[in-house]
Each structure stands twice: as structure tokens, then as C-alpha cells.
């Protein structure tokens, strides 16, 4: 078997038109690091906040009493430009893949009013039974909301 040195395409920012739902997130003073921009770990927090906040608002996720919960099994983020306090971040949401018990969310983070992503990431949730932690089919309401986010 021969190995090729084909370069992996470099990730590029995406336009806001590639996302159908947006949520605003205010940056906090503590989000900045010593370099004067938002620390990378905060971006992952924004992913969770944007997706789970939207699902809760749509009545598709009951974090306190629901029998189904989502566990993150994969995550990634590409950074294109800095964000910093006191900016407002606009998180664009879409669903790239919808399985019987899993979903791949893609989240574009935009500085307020900007057309291109400052960061683009994804995470995969596997939905499991709250008690057994075994994968289970997506509840109908959740599937309906997720299906509306497909791109």
C-alpha cells in the first residue's frame, strides 16, 4: 500500500446563509484569556448553550424529567477570527446528520452582524435512556425539531 501526501483541504469560514436558526450569546469578562480574546474552551460551552437552549425552547428536551438525554461522543472546532468581550456572539445552528439515536449538530459562531463564521464546529450527541445509559430511539418531538434544522 502506498501512502499519498494529498493535503487535507483547509477549513474555511462559512456564510451565515448556511444556517437557519440563530441564538445570541453575550460574552463575559471572564471569557477572555491573557491574549485578549475568548479562550478556546468557551467556544465548546457556546455550542452546548446554543443547541440545548434551542431544544428546550422548542419543547424537545426536558433536562430535568425527560427519559432521554444526549451524551457528547465527538466534538471539533475550527477557528477563523477572534472573538472577545464585550462582543455579542450569534450562534447559527444546523443538523448535518440525523440517525435513529444520534445527531450531528454543526454550529457557526459569528461576531454580531458579521457574514462569515469566526469559528465553525460540530458535536455528535448519542441519545440514551436516562437510567440505563443505553442508546434509544429519538423521541418524536425531538426528531421533529431536529429534522427542521437539517441543511
Protein backbone atom coordinates (compact mmCIF):
# COMPACT_ATOMS: atom_id res chain seq x y z
CA UNK A 1 0.00 0.00 0.00
CA UNK A 2 1.38 3.39 -0.96
CA UNK A 3 0.94 6.42 1.15
CA UNK A 4 -0.07 9.63 -0.56
CA UNK A 5 0.69 13.09 0.66
CA UNK A 6 -2.54 14.60 -0.53
CA UNK A 7 -3.14 17.63 1.68
CA UNK A 8 -6.39 17.79 3.60
CA UNK A 9 -8.48 20.74 2.44
CA UNK A 10 -8.07 23.65 4.82
CA UNK A 11 -11.32 24.52 6.65
CA UNK A 12 -12.81 27.84 5.61
CA UNK A 13 -15.31 30.21 7.22
CA UNK A 14 -18.93 29.75 6.17
CA UNK A 15 -21.58 32.33 5.34
CA UNK A 16 -24.47 32.88 7.71
CA UNK A 17 -26.92 31.83 4.96
CA UNK A 18 -25.85 28.21 5.63
CA UNK A 19 -27.65 28.30 8.99
CA UNK A 20 -31.39 28.65 9.53
CA UNK A 21 -31.65 29.27 13.28
CA UNK A 22 -29.62 31.76 15.33
CA UNK A 23 -29.22 32.34 19.06
CA UNK A 24 -27.48 35.34 20.62
CA UNK A 25 -24.93 34.75 23.36
CA UNK A 26 -23.32 37.55 25.34
CA UNK A 27 -19.62 37.26 26.06
CA UNK A 28 -18.48 37.71 29.64
CA UNK A 29 -15.40 39.40 31.06
CA UNK A 30 -14.12 36.03 32.27
CA UNK A 31 -14.33 34.54 28.75
CA UNK A 32 -11.21 36.46 27.65
CA UNK A 33 -7.82 34.93 28.27
CA UNK A 34 -4.44 36.60 28.76
CA UNK A 35 -4.11 37.05 25.00
CA UNK A 36 -7.16 39.34 24.92
CA UNK A 37 -9.57 37.03 23.13
CA UNK A 38 -12.08 34.37 24.12
CA UNK A 39 -10.35 31.18 25.23
CA UNK A 40 -10.97 28.14 23.03
CA UNK A 41 -12.74 26.13 25.74
CA UNK A 42 -15.50 28.76 25.89
CA UNK A 43 -16.47 28.04 22.28
CA UNK A 44 -17.46 24.50 23.27
CA UNK A 45 -19.61 25.91 26.06
CA UNK A 46 -21.36 28.11 23.49
CA UNK A 47 -22.06 25.05 21.32
CA UNK A 48 -23.85 23.37 24.24
CA UNK A 49 -25.67 26.55 25.21
CA UNK A 50 -26.93 27.22 21.68
CA UNK A 51 -28.11 23.69 20.90
CA UNK A 52 -29.59 22.75 24.26
CA UNK A 53 -31.21 26.17 24.75
CA UNK A 54 -32.91 25.86 21.37
CA UNK A 55 -34.11 22.29 22.06
CA UNK A 56 -35.51 23.30 25.45
CA UNK A 57 -37.30 26.34 23.96
CA UNK A 58 -38.85 24.12 21.28
CA UNK A 59 -40.17 21.67 23.90
CA UNK A 60 -37.95 18.90 22.51
CA UNK A 61 -35.72 18.43 25.56
CA UNK A 62 -36.65 18.18 29.23
CA UNK A 63 -33.34 18.25 31.10
CA UNK A 64 -34.95 17.59 34.50
CA UNK A 65 -37.61 14.96 33.88
CA UNK A 66 -37.11 13.61 30.36
CA UNK A 67 -36.35 9.91 29.98
CA UNK A 68 -33.88 10.61 27.15
CA UNK A 69 -30.61 12.55 27.45
CA UNK A 70 -27.89 13.39 24.94
CA UNK A 71 -24.27 12.39 25.55
CA UNK A 72 -21.50 14.04 23.54
CA UNK A 73 -19.32 11.43 21.79
CA UNK A 74 -17.42 13.67 19.34
CA UNK A 75 -16.60 17.34 19.03
CA UNK A 76 -14.44 19.63 16.91
CA UNK A 77 -13.91 23.34 16.27
CA UNK A 78 -12.06 25.37 13.62
CA UNK A 79 -11.21 28.98 14.42
CA UNK A 80 -11.02 31.71 11.79
CA UNK A 81 -11.09 35.03 13.64
CA UNK A 82 -11.01 36.17 17.26
CA UNK A 83 -13.97 36.96 19.44
CA UNK A 84 -13.61 38.98 22.64
CA UNK A 85 -15.58 40.55 25.46
CA UNK A 86 -17.76 42.67 25.15
CA UNK A 87 -18.96 41.28 21.80
CA UNK A 88 -22.27 39.52 21.26
CA UNK A 89 -21.92 36.17 19.52
CA UNK A 90 -24.57 34.83 17.16
CA UNK A 91 -24.63 31.03 17.05
CA UNK A 92 -26.07 29.54 13.86
CA UNK A 93 -27.44 26.01 14.14
CA UNK A 94 -27.97 23.18 11.67
CA UNK A 95 -28.21 19.40 11.71
CA UNK A 96 -25.85 17.65 9.32
CA UNK A 97 -26.76 14.06 10.13
CA UNK A 98 -29.76 12.54 11.86
CA UNK A 99 -29.69 8.87 12.84
CA UNK A 100 -32.03 6.69 14.83
CA UNK A 101 -30.37 7.59 18.16
CA UNK A 102 -27.72 10.16 17.22
CA UNK A 103 -27.39 13.58 15.66
CA UNK A 104 -24.51 15.68 14.37
CA UNK A 105 -25.02 19.35 15.17
CA UNK A 106 -23.00 21.98 13.33
CA UNK A 107 -22.64 25.38 14.90
CA UNK A 108 -21.31 28.55 13.29
CA UNK A 109 -20.21 31.28 15.69
CA UNK A 110 -20.42 34.81 14.29
CA UNK A 111 -19.46 38.17 15.72
CA UNK A 112 -22.76 40.07 15.82
CA UNK A 113 -23.68 41.29 12.35
CA UNK A 114 -20.78 39.57 10.57
CA UNK A 115 -21.43 37.45 7.48
CA UNK A 116 -18.69 34.82 7.97
CA UNK A 117 -18.06 32.46 10.86
CA UNK A 118 -15.42 33.36 13.41
CA UNK A 119 -15.50 29.66 14.34
CA UNK A 120 -17.21 26.58 12.98
CA UNK A 121 -17.68 23.43 14.98
CA UNK A 122 -19.71 20.33 15.46
CA UNK A 123 -20.61 17.79 18.07
CA UNK A 124 -22.38 14.46 17.99
CA UNK A 125 -24.97 13.56 20.57
CA UNK A 126 -25.99 9.98 21.13
CA UNK A 127 -29.36 9.96 22.83
CA UNK A 128 -29.63 7.43 25.62
CA UNK A 129 -32.09 6.29 28.25
CA UNK A 130 -31.50 8.44 31.35
CA UNK A 131 -31.39 5.42 33.68
CA UNK A 132 -29.67 2.69 31.65
CA UNK A 133 -27.40 4.98 29.56
CA UNK A 134 -28.11 2.72 26.58
CA UNK A 135 -28.87 4.28 23.16
CA UNK A 136 -32.55 4.69 22.42
CA UNK A 137 -34.61 6.00 19.52
CA UNK A 138 -35.03 9.76 19.34
CA UNK A 139 -38.38 10.85 20.84
CA UNK A 140 -40.82 12.02 18.15
CA UNK A 141 -40.87 15.70 19.24
CA UNK A 142 -37.06 15.80 19.30
CA UNK A 143 -36.85 14.18 15.85
CA UNK A 144 -39.36 16.71 14.50
CA UNK A 145 -37.34 19.69 15.80
CA UNK A 146 -34.04 18.21 14.61
CA UNK A 147 -35.47 17.46 11.19
CA UNK A 148 -36.38 21.16 10.83
CA UNK A 149 -32.70 22.06 11.35
CA UNK A 150 -31.36 19.80 8.58
CA UNK A 151 -29.32 21.58 5.98
